[in-house]
All heavy atoms as atom14 arrays in JSON, in Angstrom:
{
  "sequence": "AMSGIWSGGRTSYADSVKGRFTISRDNAKNTMYLQMNSLKPEDTAV",
  "atom14_mask": [
    [1, 1, 1, 1, 1, 0, 0, 0, 0, 0, 0, 0, 0, 0],
    [1, 1, 1, 1, 1, 1, 1, 1, 0, 0, 0, 0, 0, 0],
    [1, 1, 1, 1, 1, 1, 0, 0, 0, 0, 0, 0, 0, 0],
    [1, 1, 1, 1, 0, 0, 0, 0, 0, 0, 0, 0, 0, 0],
    [1, 1, 1, 1, 1, 1, 1, 1, 0, 0, 0, 0, 0, 0],
    [1, 1, 1, 1, 1, 1, 1, 1, 1, 1, 1, 1, 1, 1],
    [1, 1, 1, 1, 1, 1, 0, 0, 0, 0, 0, 0, 0, 0],
    [1, 1, 1, 1, 0, 0, 0, 0, 0, 0, 0, 0, 0, 0],
    [1, 1, 1, 1, 0, 0, 0, 0, 0, 0, 0, 0, 0, 0],
    [1, 1, 1, 1, 1, 1, 1, 1, 1, 1, 1, 0, 0, 0],
    [1, 1, 1, 1, 1, 1, 1, 0, 0, 0, 0, 0, 0, 0],
    [1, 1, 1, 1, 1, 1, 0, 0, 0, 0, 0, 0, 0, 0],
    [1, 1, 1, 1, 1, 1, 1, 1, 1, 1, 1, 1, 0, 0],
    [1, 1, 1, 1, 1, 0, 0, 0, 0, 0, 0, 0, 0, 0],
    [1, 1, 1, 1, 1, 1, 1, 1, 0, 0, 0, 0, 0, 0],
    [1, 1, 1, 1, 1, 1, 0, 0, 0, 0, 0, 0, 0, 0],
    [1, 1, 1, 1, 1, 1, 1, 0, 0, 0, 0, 0, 0, 0],
    [1, 1, 1, 1, 1, 1, 1, 1, 1, 0, 0, 0, 0, 0],
    [1, 1, 1, 1, 0, 0, 0, 0, 0, 0, 0, 0, 0, 0],
    [1, 1, 1, 1, 1, 1, 1, 1, 1, 1, 1, 0, 0, 0],
    [1, 1, 1, 1, 1, 1, 1, 1, 1, 1, 1, 0, 0, 0],
    [1, 1, 1, 1, 1, 1, 1, 0, 0, 0, 0, 0, 0, 0],
    [1, 1, 1, 1, 1, 1, 1, 1, 0, 0, 0, 0, 0, 0],
    [1, 1, 1, 1, 1, 1, 0, 0, 0, 0, 0, 0, 0, 0],
    [1, 1, 1, 1, 1, 1, 1, 1, 1, 1, 1, 0, 0, 0],
    [1, 1, 1, 1, 1, 1, 1, 1, 0, 0, 0, 0, 0, 0],
    [1, 1, 1, 1, 1, 1, 1, 1, 0, 0, 0, 0, 0, 0],
    [1, 1, 1, 1, 1, 0, 0, 0, 0, 0, 0, 0, 0, 0],
    [1, 1, 1, 1, 1, 1, 1, 1, 1, 0, 0, 0, 0, 0],
    [1, 1, 1, 1, 1, 1, 1, 1, 0, 0, 0, 0, 0, 0],
    [1, 1, 1, 1, 1, 1, 1, 0, 0, 0, 0, 0, 0, 0],
    [1, 1, 1, 1, 1, 1, 1, 1, 0, 0, 0, 0, 0, 0],
    [1, 1, 1, 1, 1, 1, 1, 1, 1, 1, 1, 1, 0, 0],
    [1, 1, 1, 1, 1, 1, 1, 1, 0, 0, 0, 0, 0, 0],
    [1, 1, 1, 1, 1, 1, 1, 1, 1, 0, 0, 0, 0, 0],
    [1, 1, 1, 1, 1, 1, 1, 1, 0, 0, 0, 0, 0, 0],
    [1, 1, 1, 1, 1, 1, 1, 1, 0, 0, 0, 0, 0, 0],
    [1, 1, 1, 1, 1, 1, 0, 0, 0, 0, 0, 0, 0, 0],
    [1, 1, 1, 1, 1, 1, 1, 1, 0, 0, 0, 0, 0, 0],
    [1, 1, 1, 1, 1, 1, 1, 1, 1, 0, 0, 0, 0, 0],
    [1, 1, 1, 1, 1, 1, 1, 0, 0, 0, 0, 0, 0, 0],
    [1, 1, 1, 1, 1, 1, 1, 1, 1, 0, 0, 0, 0, 0],
    [1, 1, 1, 1, 1, 1, 1, 1, 0, 0, 0, 0, 0, 0],
    [1, 1, 1, 1, 1, 1, 1, 0, 0, 0, 0, 0, 0, 0],
    [1, 1, 1, 1, 1, 0, 0, 0, 0, 0, 0, 0, 0, 0],
    [1, 1, 1, 1, 1, 1, 1, 0, 0, 0, 0, 0, 0, 0]
  ],
  "atom14_positions": [
    [[-71.41, -30.71, 116.08], [-70.65, -30.95, 117.3], [-69.23, -31.35, 116.97], [-68.93, -31.82, 115.87], [-71.32, -32.05, 118.14], [0.0, 0.0, 0.0], [0.0, 0.0, 0.0], [0.0, 0.0, 0.0], [0.0, 0.0, 0.0], [0.0, 0.0, 0.0], [0.0, 0.0, 0.0], [0.0, 0.0, 0.0], [0.0, 0.0, 0.0], [0.0, 0.0, 0.0]],
    [[-68.34, -31.16, 117.95], [-66.94, -31.53, 117.82], [-66.47, -32.13, 119.13], [-66.68, -31.57, 120.2], [-66.09, -30.31, 117.47], [-64.59, -30.57, 117.47], [-63.62, -29.11, 116.96], [-63.83, -29.2, 115.18], [0.0, 0.0, 0.0], [0.0, 0.0, 0.0], [0.0, 0.0, 0.0], [0.0, 0.0, 0.0], [0.0, 0.0, 0.0], [0.0, 0.0, 0.0]],
    [[-65.8, -33.28, 119.06], [-65.28, -33.92, 120.25], [-64.02, -33.21, 120.74], [-63.42, -32.41, 120.03], [-64.98, -35.4, 119.98], [-63.94, -35.53, 119.03], [0.0, 0.0, 0.0], [0.0, 0.0, 0.0], [0.0, 0.0, 0.0], [0.0, 0.0, 0.0], [0.0, 0.0, 0.0], [0.0, 0.0, 0.0], [0.0, 0.0, 0.0], [0.0, 0.0, 0.0]],
    [[-63.6, -33.52, 121.98], [-62.39, -32.94, 122.52], [-61.16, -33.4, 121.75], [-61.2, -34.41, 121.05], [0.0, 0.0, 0.0], [0.0, 0.0, 0.0], [0.0, 0.0, 0.0], [0.0, 0.0, 0.0], [0.0, 0.0, 0.0], [0.0, 0.0, 0.0], [0.0, 0.0, 0.0], [0.0, 0.0, 0.0], [0.0, 0.0, 0.0], [0.0, 0.0, 0.0]],
    [[-60.07, -32.66, 121.89], [-58.88, -32.95, 121.1], [-58.3, -34.32, 121.4], [-57.73, -34.96, 120.52], [-57.8, -31.87, 121.28], [-57.38, -31.75, 122.75], [-58.29, -30.54, 120.75], [-56.18, -30.84, 122.95], [0.0, 0.0, 0.0], [0.0, 0.0, 0.0], [0.0, 0.0, 0.0], [0.0, 0.0, 0.0], [0.0, 0.0, 0.0], [0.0, 0.0, 0.0]],
    [[-58.43, -34.8, 122.64], [-57.91, -36.12, 122.99], [-58.82, -37.24, 122.48], [-58.45, -38.41, 122.56], [-57.69, -36.22, 124.49], [-56.84, -35.11, 125.02], [-57.16, -34.24, 126.01], [-55.53, -34.73, 124.56], [-56.14, -33.35, 126.21], [-55.12, -33.62, 125.33], [-54.67, -35.23, 123.57], [-53.89, -33.0, 125.14], [-53.45, -34.6, 123.38], [-53.07, -33.51, 124.17]],
    [[-59.98, -36.87, 121.97], [-60.87, -37.82, 121.31], [-60.81, -37.64, 119.8], [-61.65, -38.18, 119.08], [-62.3, -37.65, 121.81], [-62.4, -38.03, 123.17], [0.0, 0.0, 0.0], [0.0, 0.0, 0.0], [0.0, 0.0, 0.0], [0.0, 0.0, 0.0], [0.0, 0.0, 0.0], [0.0, 0.0, 0.0], [0.0, 0.0, 0.0], [0.0, 0.0, 0.0]],
    [[-59.84, -36.88, 119.32], [-59.63, -36.72, 117.9], [-60.19, -35.46, 117.28], [-59.92, -35.19, 116.1], [0.0, 0.0, 0.0], [0.0, 0.0, 0.0], [0.0, 0.0, 0.0], [0.0, 0.0, 0.0], [0.0, 0.0, 0.0], [0.0, 0.0, 0.0], [0.0, 0.0, 0.0], [0.0, 0.0, 0.0], [0.0, 0.0, 0.0], [0.0, 0.0, 0.0]],
    [[-60.94, -34.67, 118.03], [-61.54, -33.46, 117.49], [-62.46, -33.73, 116.3], [-62.55, -32.9, 115.4], [0.0, 0.0, 0.0], [0.0, 0.0, 0.0], [0.0, 0.0, 0.0], [0.0, 0.0, 0.0], [0.0, 0.0, 0.0], [0.0, 0.0, 0.0], [0.0, 0.0, 0.0], [0.0, 0.0, 0.0], [0.0, 0.0, 0.0], [0.0, 0.0, 0.0]],
    [[-63.11, -34.86, 116.31], [-63.97, -35.25, 115.2], [-65.28, -34.47, 115.21], [-65.81, -34.13, 116.25], [-64.24, -36.75, 115.25], [-62.97, -37.58, 115.11], [-63.22, -39.06, 115.25], [-61.99, -39.82, 115.09], [-61.89, -41.13, 115.2], [-62.98, -41.84, 115.48], [-60.73, -41.72, 115.05], [0.0, 0.0, 0.0], [0.0, 0.0, 0.0], [0.0, 0.0, 0.0]],
    [[-65.8, -34.21, 114.01], [-67.0, -33.4, 113.85], [-68.17, -34.22, 113.34], [-68.0, -35.26, 112.71], [-66.75, -32.23, 112.89], [-66.37, -32.75, 111.61], [-65.64, -31.34, 113.41], [0.0, 0.0, 0.0], [0.0, 0.0, 0.0], [0.0, 0.0, 0.0], [0.0, 0.0, 0.0], [0.0, 0.0, 0.0], [0.0, 0.0, 0.0], [0.0, 0.0, 0.0]],
    [[-69.37, -33.73, 113.62], [-70.59, -34.31, 113.09], [-71.57, -33.19, 112.79], [-71.54, -32.14, 113.44], [-71.2, -35.32, 114.07], [-71.53, -34.7, 115.3], [0.0, 0.0, 0.0], [0.0, 0.0, 0.0], [0.0, 0.0, 0.0], [0.0, 0.0, 0.0], [0.0, 0.0, 0.0], [0.0, 0.0, 0.0], [0.0, 0.0, 0.0], [0.0, 0.0, 0.0]],
    [[-72.45, -33.42, 111.8], [-73.39, -32.4, 111.37], [-74.77, -32.98, 111.12], [-74.91, -34.14, 110.74], [-72.91, -31.75, 110.06], [-71.59, -31.04, 110.16], [-70.4, -31.72, 109.9], [-71.53, -29.7, 110.5], [-69.18, -31.06, 109.99], [-70.32, -29.04, 110.58], [-69.14, -29.73, 110.33], [-67.93, -29.08, 110.41], [0.0, 0.0, 0.0], [0.0, 0.0, 0.0]],
    [[-75.79, -32.15, 111.33], [-77.13, -32.51, 110.92], [-77.18, -32.54, 109.4], [-76.49, -31.77, 108.73], [-78.14, -31.51, 111.46], [0.0, 0.0, 0.0], [0.0, 0.0, 0.0], [0.0, 0.0, 0.0], [0.0, 0.0, 0.0], [0.0, 0.0, 0.0], [0.0, 0.0, 0.0], [0.0, 0.0, 0.0], [0.0, 0.0, 0.0], [0.0, 0.0, 0.0]],
    [[-77.99, -33.43, 108.85], [-78.09, -33.55, 107.4], [-78.51, -32.23, 106.74], [-78.1, -31.92, 105.62], [-79.08, -34.64, 107.02], [-78.55, -36.04, 107.3], [-77.33, -36.2, 107.44], [-79.37, -36.97, 107.38], [0.0, 0.0, 0.0], [0.0, 0.0, 0.0], [0.0, 0.0, 0.0], [0.0, 0.0, 0.0], [0.0, 0.0, 0.0], [0.0, 0.0, 0.0]],
    [[-79.31, -31.44, 107.44], [-79.83, -30.21, 106.88], [-78.76, -29.14, 106.65], [-78.97, -28.21, 105.87], [-80.94, -29.64, 107.77], [-80.44, -29.37, 109.07], [0.0, 0.0, 0.0], [0.0, 0.0, 0.0], [0.0, 0.0, 0.0], [0.0, 0.0, 0.0], [0.0, 0.0, 0.0], [0.0, 0.0, 0.0], [0.0, 0.0, 0.0], [0.0, 0.0, 0.0]],
    [[-77.61, -29.26, 107.33], [-76.56, -28.25, 107.21], [-75.26, -28.8, 106.65], [-74.34, -28.03, 106.36], [-76.28, -27.56, 108.56], [-77.56, -27.0, 109.15], [-75.61, -28.53, 109.54], [0.0, 0.0, 0.0], [0.0, 0.0, 0.0], [0.0, 0.0, 0.0], [0.0, 0.0, 0.0], [0.0, 0.0, 0.0], [0.0, 0.0, 0.0], [0.0, 0.0, 0.0]],
    [[-75.17, -30.1, 106.48], [-73.95, -30.73, 106.0], [-73.56, -30.17, 104.63], [-74.38, -30.08, 103.73], [-74.13, -32.24, 105.92], [-72.85, -33.01, 105.63], [-73.08, -34.51, 105.7], [-71.8, -35.29, 105.48], [-72.02, -36.75, 105.56], [0.0, 0.0, 0.0], [0.0, 0.0, 0.0], [0.0, 0.0, 0.0], [0.0, 0.0, 0.0], [0.0, 0.0, 0.0]],
    [[-72.3, -29.8, 104.5], [-71.8, -29.22, 103.26], [-71.91, -27.71, 103.21], [-71.29, -27.08, 102.34], [0.0, 0.0, 0.0], [0.0, 0.0, 0.0], [0.0, 0.0, 0.0], [0.0, 0.0, 0.0], [0.0, 0.0, 0.0], [0.0, 0.0, 0.0], [0.0, 0.0, 0.0], [0.0, 0.0, 0.0], [0.0, 0.0, 0.0], [0.0, 0.0, 0.0]],
    [[-72.67, -27.13, 104.13], [-72.84, -25.67, 104.18], [-72.24, -25.05, 105.43], [-71.73, -23.94, 105.39], [-74.33, -25.3, 104.1], [-75.02, -25.77, 102.83], [-76.43, -25.2, 102.71], [-77.29, -25.65, 103.81], [-77.88, -24.85, 104.69], [-77.71, -23.53, 104.61], [-78.65, -25.34, 105.64], [0.0, 0.0, 0.0], [0.0, 0.0, 0.0], [0.0, 0.0, 0.0]],
    [[-72.32, -25.77, 106.56], [-71.82, -25.26, 107.84], [-70.53, -25.99, 108.22], [-70.36, -27.18, 107.9], [-72.84, -25.49, 108.95], [-74.09, -24.64, 108.87], [-74.39, -23.9, 107.73], [-74.96, -24.59, 109.94], [-75.54, -23.13, 107.65], [-76.11, -23.82, 109.88], [-76.41, -23.09, 108.74], [0.0, 0.0, 0.0], [0.0, 0.0, 0.0], [0.0, 0.0, 0.0]],
    [[-69.65, -25.3, 108.93], [-68.42, -25.89, 109.41], [-68.18, -25.48, 110.86], [-68.17, -24.29, 111.18], [-67.21, -25.45, 108.57], [-67.42, -25.8, 107.19], [-65.94, -26.14, 109.07], [0.0, 0.0, 0.0], [0.0, 0.0, 0.0], [0.0, 0.0, 0.0], [0.0, 0.0, 0.0], [0.0, 0.0, 0.0], [0.0, 0.0, 0.0], [0.0, 0.0, 0.0]],
    [[-67.99, -26.47, 111.74], [-67.69, -26.2, 113.13], [-66.18, -26.27, 113.33], [-65.51, -27.12, 112.74], [-68.42, -27.19, 114.06], [-68.24, -26.8, 115.53], [-67.97, -28.62, 113.82], [-69.08, -27.64, 116.5], [0.0, 0.0, 0.0], [0.0, 0.0, 0.0], [0.0, 0.0, 0.0], [0.0, 0.0, 0.0], [0.0, 0.0, 0.0], [0.0, 0.0, 0.0]],
    [[-65.64, -25.39, 114.15], [-64.21, -25.38, 114.43], [-63.98, -24.79, 115.81], [-64.9, -24.26, 116.44], [-63.44, -24.58, 113.37], [-63.84, -23.22, 113.37], [0.0, 0.0, 0.0], [0.0, 0.0, 0.0], [0.0, 0.0, 0.0], [0.0, 0.0, 0.0], [0.0, 0.0, 0.0], [0.0, 0.0, 0.0], [0.0, 0.0, 0.0], [0.0, 0.0, 0.0]],
    [[-62.75, -24.9, 116.3], [-62.43, -24.33, 117.61], [-61.0, -23.85, 117.64], [-60.12, -24.44, 117.0], [-62.7, -25.35, 118.72], [-61.83, -26.6, 118.65], [-62.45, -27.77, 119.4], [-62.52, -27.54, 120.84], [-63.18, -28.33, 121.68], [-63.85, -29.39, 121.23], [-63.19, -28.05, 122.97], [0.0, 0.0, 0.0], [0.0, 0.0, 0.0], [0.0, 0.0, 0.0]],
    [[-60.76, -22.8, 118.39], [-59.43, -22.26, 118.62], [-59.16, -22.44, 120.11], [-59.65, -21.67, 120.93], [-59.36, -20.79, 118.22], [-57.96, -20.22, 118.31], [-57.15, -20.73, 119.11], [-57.66, -19.26, 117.57], [0.0, 0.0, 0.0], [0.0, 0.0, 0.0], [0.0, 0.0, 0.0], [0.0, 0.0, 0.0], [0.0, 0.0, 0.0], [0.0, 0.0, 0.0]],
    [[-58.39, -23.46, 120.45], [-58.16, -23.79, 121.85], [-57.39, -22.7, 122.6], [-57.61, -22.49, 123.79], [-57.42, -25.12, 121.96], [-58.28, -26.29, 121.5], [-59.46, -26.37, 121.82], [-57.68, -27.2, 120.75], [0.0, 0.0, 0.0], [0.0, 0.0, 0.0], [0.0, 0.0, 0.0], [0.0, 0.0, 0.0], [0.0, 0.0, 0.0], [0.0, 0.0, 0.0]],
    [[-56.5, -22.0, 121.9], [-55.74, -20.93, 122.53], [-56.64, -19.78, 122.96], [-56.34, -19.09, 123.93], [-54.65, -20.43, 121.58], [0.0, 0.0, 0.0], [0.0, 0.0, 0.0], [0.0, 0.0, 0.0], [0.0, 0.0, 0.0], [0.0, 0.0, 0.0], [0.0, 0.0, 0.0], [0.0, 0.0, 0.0], [0.0, 0.0, 0.0], [0.0, 0.0, 0.0]],
    [[-57.74, -19.58, 122.24], [-58.68, -18.51, 122.55], [-59.91, -18.99, 123.31], [-60.78, -18.19, 123.63], [-59.13, -17.82, 121.26], [-58.02, -17.12, 120.49], [-58.56, -16.46, 119.24], [-57.46, -15.73, 118.48], [-57.98, -15.09, 117.25], [0.0, 0.0, 0.0], [0.0, 0.0, 0.0], [0.0, 0.0, 0.0], [0.0, 0.0, 0.0], [0.0, 0.0, 0.0]],
    [[-59.98, -20.29, 123.59], [-61.15, -20.87, 124.26], [-62.44, -20.49, 123.53], [-63.45, -20.14, 124.16], [-61.23, -20.44, 125.72], [-60.17, -21.09, 126.58], [-59.58, -22.11, 126.22], [-59.92, -20.49, 127.74], [0.0, 0.0, 0.0], [0.0, 0.0, 0.0], [0.0, 0.0, 0.0], [0.0, 0.0, 0.0], [0.0, 0.0, 0.0], [0.0, 0.0, 0.0]],
    [[-62.4, -20.56, 122.21], [-63.53, -20.12, 121.4], [-63.89, -21.16, 120.34], [-63.0, -21.73, 119.7], [-63.21, -18.78, 120.71], [-62.91, -17.8, 121.71], [-64.39, -18.31, 119.89], [0.0, 0.0, 0.0], [0.0, 0.0, 0.0], [0.0, 0.0, 0.0], [0.0, 0.0, 0.0], [0.0, 0.0, 0.0], [0.0, 0.0, 0.0], [0.0, 0.0, 0.0]],
    [[-65.19, -21.38, 120.18], [-65.71, -22.27, 119.15], [-66.42, -21.43, 118.11], [-67.02, -20.4, 118.43], [-66.67, -23.28, 119.77], [-67.33, -24.21, 118.77], [-68.44, -25.42, 119.56], [-69.7, -24.33, 120.26], [0.0, 0.0, 0.0], [0.0, 0.0, 0.0], [0.0, 0.0, 0.0], [0.0, 0.0, 0.0], [0.0, 0.0, 0.0], [0.0, 0.0, 0.0]],
    [[-66.4, -21.89, 116.85], [-67.0, -21.15, 115.75], [-67.95, -22.02, 114.96], [-67.82, -23.25, 114.91], [-65.93, -20.63, 114.8], [-64.88, -19.77, 115.45], [-63.66, -20.32, 115.86], [-65.1, -18.42, 115.67], [-62.7, -19.55, 116.47], [-64.13, -17.64, 116.28], [-62.94, -18.2, 116.67], [-61.97, -17.42, 117.27], [0.0, 0.0, 0.0], [0.0, 0.0, 0.0]],
    [[-68.91, -21.37, 114.32], [-69.77, -22.02, 113.35], [-69.8, -21.14, 112.11], [-70.4, -20.07, 112.12], [-71.18, -22.23, 113.9], [-72.13, -22.98, 112.96], [-71.7, -24.44, 112.82], [-73.57, -22.91, 113.47], [0.0, 0.0, 0.0], [0.0, 0.0, 0.0], [0.0, 0.0, 0.0], [0.0, 0.0, 0.0], [0.0, 0.0, 0.0], [0.0, 0.0, 0.0]],
    [[-69.13, -21.59, 111.06], [-69.15, -20.88, 109.78], [-70.35, -21.36, 108.99], [-70.47, -22.55, 108.7], [-67.86, -21.14, 109.01], [-67.8, -20.48, 107.64], [-67.79, -18.97, 107.72], [-67.05, -18.4, 108.52], [-68.62, -18.32, 106.92], [0.0, 0.0, 0.0], [0.0, 0.0, 0.0], [0.0, 0.0, 0.0], [0.0, 0.0, 0.0], [0.0, 0.0, 0.0]],
    [[-71.23, -20.44, 108.63], [-72.46, -20.77, 107.92], [-72.43, -20.15, 106.53], [-72.37, -18.93, 106.4], [-73.68, -20.27, 108.7], [-73.74, -20.76, 110.14], [-75.24, -20.23, 111.0], [-74.95, -18.46, 111.05], [0.0, 0.0, 0.0], [0.0, 0.0, 0.0], [0.0, 0.0, 0.0], [0.0, 0.0, 0.0], [0.0, 0.0, 0.0], [0.0, 0.0, 0.0]],
    [[-72.46, -20.99, 105.51], [-72.45, -20.54, 104.13], [-73.74, -20.97, 103.44], [-74.44, -21.86, 103.89], [-71.24, -21.12, 103.38], [-69.93, -20.68, 103.95], [-69.78, -19.56, 104.45], [-68.93, -21.56, 103.88], [0.0, 0.0, 0.0], [0.0, 0.0, 0.0], [0.0, 0.0, 0.0], [0.0, 0.0, 0.0], [0.0, 0.0, 0.0], [0.0, 0.0, 0.0]],
    [[-74.02, -20.34, 102.3], [-75.21, -20.67, 101.5], [-76.46, -20.72, 102.37], [-77.25, -21.66, 102.31], [-75.0, -22.01, 100.78], [-73.87, -21.96, 99.94], [0.0, 0.0, 0.0], [0.0, 0.0, 0.0], [0.0, 0.0, 0.0], [0.0, 0.0, 0.0], [0.0, 0.0, 0.0], [0.0, 0.0, 0.0], [0.0, 0.0, 0.0], [0.0, 0.0, 0.0]],
    [[-76.65, -19.7, 103.16], [-77.76, -19.67, 104.11], [-79.11, -19.64, 103.41], [-79.27, -19.03, 102.35], [-77.63, -18.47, 105.04], [-76.57, -18.65, 106.13], [-76.2, -17.3, 106.73], [-77.09, -19.59, 107.21], [0.0, 0.0, 0.0], [0.0, 0.0, 0.0], [0.0, 0.0, 0.0], [0.0, 0.0, 0.0], [0.0, 0.0, 0.0], [0.0, 0.0, 0.0]],
    [[-80.07, -20.31, 104.03], [-81.43, -20.4, 103.53], [-82.4, -19.81, 104.55], [-82.09, -19.76, 105.74], [-81.81, -21.87, 103.29], [-80.85, -22.63, 102.39], [-81.23, -24.11, 102.33], [-80.26, -24.89, 101.46], [-80.62, -26.34, 101.43], [0.0, 0.0, 0.0], [0.0, 0.0, 0.0], [0.0, 0.0, 0.0], [0.0, 0.0, 0.0], [0.0, 0.0, 0.0]],
    [[-83.58, -19.37, 104.11], [-84.56, -18.83, 105.06], [-84.88, -19.81, 106.19], [-85.12, -19.37, 107.32], [-85.78, -18.56, 104.19], [-85.21, -18.25, 102.85], [-84.04, -19.19, 102.71], [0.0, 0.0, 0.0], [0.0, 0.0, 0.0], [0.0, 0.0, 0.0], [0.0, 0.0, 0.0], [0.0, 0.0, 0.0], [0.0, 0.0, 0.0], [0.0, 0.0, 0.0]],
    [[-84.87, -21.1, 105.92], [-85.17, -22.09, 106.95], [-84.06, -22.23, 107.99], [-84.23, -22.93, 108.99], [-85.47, -23.47, 106.33], [-84.41, -23.97, 105.38], [-84.76, -23.71, 103.93], [-85.24, -22.61, 103.61], [-84.56, -24.62, 103.09], [0.0, 0.0, 0.0], [0.0, 0.0, 0.0], [0.0, 0.0, 0.0], [0.0, 0.0, 0.0], [0.0, 0.0, 0.0]],
    [[-82.93, -21.56, 107.78], [-81.87, -21.53, 108.78], [-82.16, -20.49, 109.86], [-81.42, -20.42, 110.85], [-80.52, -21.23, 108.14], [-80.03, -22.34, 107.23], [-80.19, -23.53, 107.59], [-79.48, -22.03, 106.15], [0.0, 0.0, 0.0], [0.0, 0.0, 0.0], [0.0, 0.0, 0.0], [0.0, 0.0, 0.0], [0.0, 0.0, 0.0], [0.0, 0.0, 0.0]],
    [[-83.17, -19.67, 109.66], [-83.52, -18.65, 110.64], [-83.85, -19.3, 111.98], [-84.72, -20.16, 112.07], [-84.72, -17.82, 110.16], [-84.36, -17.1, 108.99], [-85.17, -16.84, 111.24], [0.0, 0.0, 0.0], [0.0, 0.0, 0.0], [0.0, 0.0, 0.0], [0.0, 0.0, 0.0], [0.0, 0.0, 0.0], [0.0, 0.0, 0.0], [0.0, 0.0, 0.0]],
    [[-83.14, -18.89, 113.03], [-83.32, -19.49, 114.35], [-82.44, -18.77, 115.35], [-81.55, -18.0, 114.99], [-82.95, -20.97, 114.32], [0.0, 0.0, 0.0], [0.0, 0.0, 0.0], [0.0, 0.0, 0.0], [0.0, 0.0, 0.0], [0.0, 0.0, 0.0], [0.0, 0.0, 0.0], [0.0, 0.0, 0.0], [0.0, 0.0, 0.0], [0.0, 0.0, 0.0]],
    [[-82.7, -19.05, 116.63], [-81.77, -18.67, 117.68], [-80.75, -19.8, 117.79], [-81.12, -20.96, 117.97], [-82.48, -18.46, 119.03], [-81.46, -18.17, 120.12], [-83.47, -17.31, 118.92], [0.0, 0.0, 0.0], [0.0, 0.0, 0.0], [0.0, 0.0, 0.0], [0.0, 0.0, 0.0], [0.0, 0.0, 0.0], [0.0, 0.0, 0.0], [0.0, 0.0, 0.0]]
  ]
}
């Protein structure tokens, strides 16, 4: 998750993905992203 920009845009992660996933947002495009690296079979999900 990521807080709004007026709350600092701070991020938090589940322990299972910390260090592998990165959340970000492009406010000009009204778009949020989740970059997933070093994927594991247990990451399979909707």
